[in-house]
Protein backbone atom coordinates (compact mmCIF):
# COMPACT_ATOMS: atom_id res chain seq x y z
CA UNK A 1 100.02 170.98 67.33
CA UNK A 2 99.99 173.06 70.52
CA UNK A 3 100.10 171.28 73.86
CA UNK A 4 96.67 171.95 74.89
CA UNK A 5 95.19 170.95 71.62
CA UNK A 6 97.20 167.79 71.80
CA UNK A 7 96.03 166.65 75.04
CA UNK A 8 92.46 167.34 74.24
CA UNK A 9 92.91 165.13 71.11
CA UNK A 10 94.22 162.43 73.27
CA UNK A 11 91.57 162.78 75.81
CA UNK A 12 88.81 162.77 73.25
CA UNK A 13 90.04 159.46 71.48
CA UNK A 14 90.80 157.75 74.62
CA UNK A 15 87.34 158.39 75.65
CA UNK A 16 85.75 156.90 72.72
CA UNK A 17 87.83 153.97 72.62
CA UNK A 18 88.33 153.24 76.35
CA UNK A 19 85.23 154.80 78.01
CA UNK A 20 84.14 151.46 79.55
CA UNK A 21 87.33 150.76 81.49
CA UNK A 22 88.12 154.54 82.36
CA UNK A 23 84.49 154.81 83.84
CA UNK A 24 85.15 151.83 86.09
CA UNK A 25 88.49 153.42 87.01
CA UNK A 26 86.73 156.49 87.88
CA UNK A 27 84.10 154.64 89.91
CA UNK A 28 86.69 153.13 91.84
CA UNK A 29 88.89 156.21 92.28
CA UNK A 30 85.92 157.77 94.18
CA UNK A 31 86.18 155.27 96.78
CA UNK A 32 89.76 155.15 97.08
CA UNK A 33 91.69 157.65 99.24
CA UNK A 34 93.44 160.21 97.04
CA UNK A 35 92.14 159.60 93.67
CA UNK A 36 88.87 161.65 93.53
CA UNK A 37 87.98 163.53 90.32
CA UNK A 38 87.73 167.36 90.48
CA UNK A 39 91.40 167.91 91.28
CA UNK A 40 94.47 168.05 89.04
CA UNK A 41 94.15 170.81 86.13
CA UNK A 42 90.80 171.94 87.12
CA UNK A 43 89.15 171.20 83.88
CA UNK A 44 86.06 169.42 83.76
CA UNK A 45 85.86 165.77 82.75
CA UNK A 46 83.61 165.75 79.82
CA UNK A 47 81.62 162.34 79.71
CA UNK A 48 82.12 159.14 78.02
CA UNK A 49 84.06 158.15 81.28
CA UNK A 50 86.68 160.90 81.36
CA UNK A 51 89.96 160.79 83.01
CA UNK A 52 89.77 161.05 86.95
CA UNK A 53 91.50 164.02 88.25
CA UNK A 54 90.85 166.61 85.88
CA UNK A 55 90.65 165.29 82.38
CA UNK A 56 93.99 165.97 80.52
CA UNK A 57 96.48 163.30 79.44
CA UNK A 58 98.83 162.18 76.71
CA UNK A 59 99.38 159.03 74.41
CA UNK A 60 103.06 157.99 73.75
CA UNK A 61 105.62 155.01 73.39
CA UNK A 62 107.38 154.41 76.66
CA UNK A 63 111.20 155.21 76.24
CA UNK A 64 112.30 154.84 79.91
CA UNK A 65 110.93 152.97 82.95
CA UNK A 66 111.92 154.06 86.37
CA UNK A 67 110.71 153.33 89.88
CA UNK A 68 108.33 156.58 90.04
CA UNK A 69 108.15 157.52 86.59
CA UNK A 70 107.97 156.50 82.71
CA UNK A 71 109.33 158.64 79.93
CA UNK A 72 107.13 158.83 76.67
CA UNK A 73 107.41 159.88 73.35
CA UNK A 74 104.40 161.32 71.68
CA UNK A 75 103.51 161.06 68.04
CA UNK A 76 104.39 164.49 67.72
CA UNK A 77 107.92 163.84 68.77
CA UNK A 78 107.50 165.52 72.31
CA UNK A 79 109.06 163.84 75.37
CA UNK A 80 106.85 163.78 78.48
CA UNK A 81 107.68 162.45 82.06
CA UNK A 82 104.90 160.60 83.60
CA UNK A 83 104.96 160.59 87.02
CA UNK A 84 103.02 158.01 89.20
CA UNK A 85 102.62 156.94 92.84
CA UNK A 86 100.66 154.21 94.90
CA UNK A 87 97.58 156.22 94.36
CA UNK A 88 97.97 155.83 90.51
CA UNK A 89 95.77 153.48 88.64
CA UNK A 90 97.67 151.60 86.24
CA UNK A 91 95.65 149.46 83.97
CA UNK A 92 95.39 147.40 80.85
CA UNK A 93 92.17 147.62 78.92
CA UNK A 94 89.97 144.35 79.45
CA UNK A 95 88.91 142.43 76.13
CA UNK A 96 85.56 143.09 74.78
CA UNK A 97 83.35 141.93 72.03
CA UNK A 98 81.36 144.30 69.69
CA UNK A 99 77.62 144.90 70.39
CA UNK A 100 75.44 145.93 67.53
CA UNK A 101 76.28 147.77 64.59
CA UNK A 102 76.70 151.09 62.73
CA UNK A 103 79.38 153.65 62.67
CA UNK A 104 83.02 153.31 63.08
CA UNK A 105 82.82 150.76 65.92
CA UNK A 106 85.84 152.05 67.48
CA UNK A 107 83.84 153.05 70.49
CA UNK A 108 80.44 151.45 70.29
CA UNK A 109 80.88 149.43 73.24
CA UNK A 110 81.60 152.20 75.58
CA UNK A 111 78.67 154.30 74.21
CA UNK A 112 76.10 151.89 73.70
CA UNK A 113 76.46 149.88 76.70
CA UNK A 114 78.41 146.81 74.83
CA UNK A 115 79.55 144.17 77.10
CA UNK A 116 83.35 144.27 78.00
CA UNK A 117 85.37 142.79 80.57
CA UNK A 118 86.64 145.11 83.39
CA UNK A 119 90.19 146.71 83.15
CA UNK A 120 93.20 144.36 84.45
CA UNK A 121 95.23 146.24 87.15
CA UNK A 122 98.90 146.23 86.44
CA UNK A 123 101.94 146.99 88.70
CA UNK A 124 104.11 149.84 87.66
CA UNK A 125 106.94 147.14 86.66
CA UNK A 126 104.42 145.41 83.99
CA UNK A 127 105.03 148.74 81.83
CA UNK A 128 107.85 148.17 79.54
CA UNK A 129 109.98 150.13 77.24
CA UNK A 130 108.10 150.00 73.87
CA UNK A 131 104.72 150.09 75.25
CA UNK A 132 101.95 152.41 74.23
CA UNK A 133 100.31 154.22 77.11
CA UNK A 134 97.67 156.71 77.80
CA UNK A 135 98.26 158.89 81.04
CA UNK A 136 95.57 161.23 82.49
CA UNK A 137 96.12 163.72 85.27
CA UNK A 138 97.72 167.06 85.87
CA UNK A 139 99.67 168.17 82.94
CA UNK A 140 102.69 170.92 83.37
CA UNK A 141 103.10 171.77 79.66
CA UNK A 142 106.28 173.84 80.27
CA UNK A 143 107.97 170.97 82.06
CA UNK A 144 106.58 168.43 79.78
CA UNK A 145 105.59 166.28 82.70
CA UNK A 146 102.24 164.48 83.89
CA UNK A 147 101.05 163.83 87.47
CA UNK A 148 99.27 160.60 86.61
CA UNK A 149 95.96 159.67 88.24
CA UNK A 150 95.25 156.88 85.67
CA UNK A 151 97.44 155.01 83.20
CA UNK A 152 96.43 152.70 80.55
CA UNK A 153 98.59 150.22 78.74
CA UNK A 154 97.31 150.39 75.24
CA UNK A 155 97.63 147.39 72.78
CA UNK A 156 99.12 148.10 69.24
CA UNK A 157 95.85 147.43 67.54
CA UNK A 158 93.96 149.98 69.89
CA UNK A 159 96.92 152.69 69.50
CA UNK A 160 96.40 152.32 65.84
CA UNK A 161 92.41 152.83 66.22
CA UNK A 162 93.23 155.87 68.30
CA UNK A 163 95.48 157.66 65.85
CA UNK A 164 93.07 156.80 63.03
CA UNK A 165 90.26 158.41 64.95
CA UNK A 166 92.29 161.52 65.76
CA UNK A 167 92.57 161.78 61.94
CA UNK A 168 89.17 161.56 61.37
CA UNK A 169 87.70 163.68 64.08
CA UNK A 170 85.28 166.38 62.39
CA UNK A 171 85.45 164.18 59.15
CA UNK A 172 83.31 161.07 60.24
CA UNK A 173 82.62 161.66 63.78
CA UNK A 174 82.23 164.42 66.50
CA UNK A 175 81.64 163.87 70.05
CA UNK A 176 81.24 166.34 72.83
CA UNK A 177 78.76 168.09 75.27
CA UNK A 178 75.55 169.48 73.99
CA UNK A 179 75.31 173.41 74.26
CA UNK A 180 72.05 174.10 72.25
CA UNK A 181 69.51 172.36 69.91
CA UNK A 182 67.73 174.67 67.53
CA UNK A 183 65.25 172.55 65.23
CA UNK A 184 67.30 169.77 63.43
CA UNK A 185 70.77 171.33 64.54
CA UNK A 186 72.50 170.35 67.70
CA UNK A 187 75.57 172.38 68.83
CA UNK A 188 78.29 170.94 70.70
CA UNK A 189 81.30 171.85 72.46
CA UNK A 190 83.91 169.42 70.85
CA UNK A 191 85.61 166.98 73.18
CA UNK A 192 88.98 167.33 71.50
CA UNK A 193 89.09 170.86 70.47
CA UNK A 194 86.69 172.48 72.75
CA UNK A 195 85.27 174.70 69.98
CA UNK A 196 81.43 174.63 68.80
CA UNK A 197 80.36 172.39 66.23
CA UNK A 198 77.09 172.10 64.31
CA UNK A 199 75.52 168.74 63.80
CA UNK A 200 72.46 168.57 61.48
CA UNK A 201 70.12 165.42 61.63
CA UNK A 202 67.47 164.42 59.38
CA UNK A 203 64.83 161.94 58.88
CA UNK A 204 67.63 159.42 57.91
CA UNK A 205 69.51 159.97 61.26
CA UNK A 206 69.06 157.21 64.08
CA UNK A 207 69.42 158.23 67.69
CA UNK A 208 70.47 155.71 70.54
CA UNK A 209 71.28 155.90 74.46
CA UNK A 210 73.03 153.04 75.10
CA UNK A 211 70.99 149.70 73.82
CA UNK A 212 67.68 151.86 73.57
CA UNK A 213 66.58 153.78 70.48
CA UNK A 214 65.60 157.21 71.15
CA UNK A 215 64.54 160.47 69.10
CA UNK A 216 65.73 164.06 68.91
CA UNK A 217 63.30 165.06 71.48
CA UNK A 218 64.84 162.79 74.21
CA UNK A 219 68.43 164.76 73.74
CA UNK A 220 68.92 167.55 76.05
CA UNK A 221 71.63 170.27 76.51
CA UNK A 222 74.39 169.47 78.87
CA UNK A 223 74.24 165.61 77.89
CA UNK A 224 77.07 164.08 76.11
CA UNK A 225 76.88 162.77 72.30
CA UNK A 226 78.72 161.01 69.76
CA UNK A 227 77.77 161.51 66.23
CA UNK A 228 78.69 159.62 63.33
CA UNK A 229 78.32 160.86 59.54
CA UNK A 230 79.93 163.00 57.19
CA UNK A 231 80.54 166.80 56.45
CA UNK A 232 78.06 168.49 54.05
CA UNK A 233 78.63 171.88 53.35
CA UNK A 234 79.46 173.75 56.50
CA UNK A 235 77.96 171.55 59.00
CA UNK A 236 78.18 167.69 59.98
CA UNK A 237 75.28 165.52 58.90
CA UNK A 238 74.79 162.85 61.26
CA UNK A 239 73.85 159.32 60.40
CA UNK A 240 74.01 158.12 63.87
CA UNK A 241 73.77 160.20 67.24
CA UNK A 242 74.59 158.26 70.52
CA UNK A 243 73.61 160.22 73.47
CA UNK A 244 74.86 159.86 77.08
CA UNK A 245 73.73 161.60 80.49
CA UNK A 246 76.60 163.36 82.09
CA UNK A 247 78.24 161.15 84.72
CA UNK A 248 78.21 162.49 88.42
CA UNK A 249 81.45 162.16 88.90
CA UNK A 250 82.52 164.22 85.87
CA UNK A 251 80.45 167.12 87.09
CA UNK A 252 82.32 170.36 88.07
CA UNK A 253 82.57 170.53 91.61
CA UNK A 254 82.29 166.76 92.29
CA UNK A 255 84.26 165.87 95.48
CA UNK A 256 87.68 164.61 95.40
CA UNK A 257 90.54 164.16 97.78
CA UNK A 258 92.99 167.00 97.21
CA UNK A 259 96.57 166.51 96.96
CA UNK A 260 96.50 162.76 96.15
CA UNK A 261 97.77 162.68 92.76
CA UNK A 262 101.59 162.97 91.99
CA UNK A 263 102.59 166.41 91.15
CA UNK A 264 104.60 167.05 87.92
CA UNK A 265 108.28 167.64 88.99
CA UNK A 266 109.87 170.99 88.11
């Protein structure tokens, strides 16, 4: 799997599973000096929280802990150096309880306004060899290094969910930015692969925005959505569609403090 696609996969799964925590981190990042969104790789953060600083990242198991970086090994067997500084937010996902039903449940709390406690701030020394982490920030694919804006410690069960979601993307769920709506067909730019996907809805599809029930007419291009269902023929038939308005902090051109995140080392 190419580095770009791998990073996008990690981003999409992380957003679906840790959207509430990342959104909290991004809100705080906009207030702190040096952790604004809109810097880093220059890629637009794509809803559901997004990684502050550009929206790319990696998931892996920590193999080395140093004073200014971690070394991780990804599921693909690649080794990345994750650089951090005093401006890097290092957190552990807060425990939450599931709200409501339907779908896979893996990201329901974040997408539908389920109650979840705030992420817990960690010290760099709280991350140990053997921990699974996700790191979001500026990726240097050639050097296999990341200048991290945000680092999340992932518990084993959540890491398992992330890997299962990666395998099921496009089969049982899709997520991304709506680019067009034509009748009962919604076209999105996939959050993981950045390619177009057609989502077909019918009289059996339920629509939600946080805790509210909505209709197809309430969904607009430019918004983010997550759909659950199954592939039927050449399209994805949705049983549940959850819509979210774009977050201001994730819009292109949102203000950020330049030069704040640690740069990948050459």
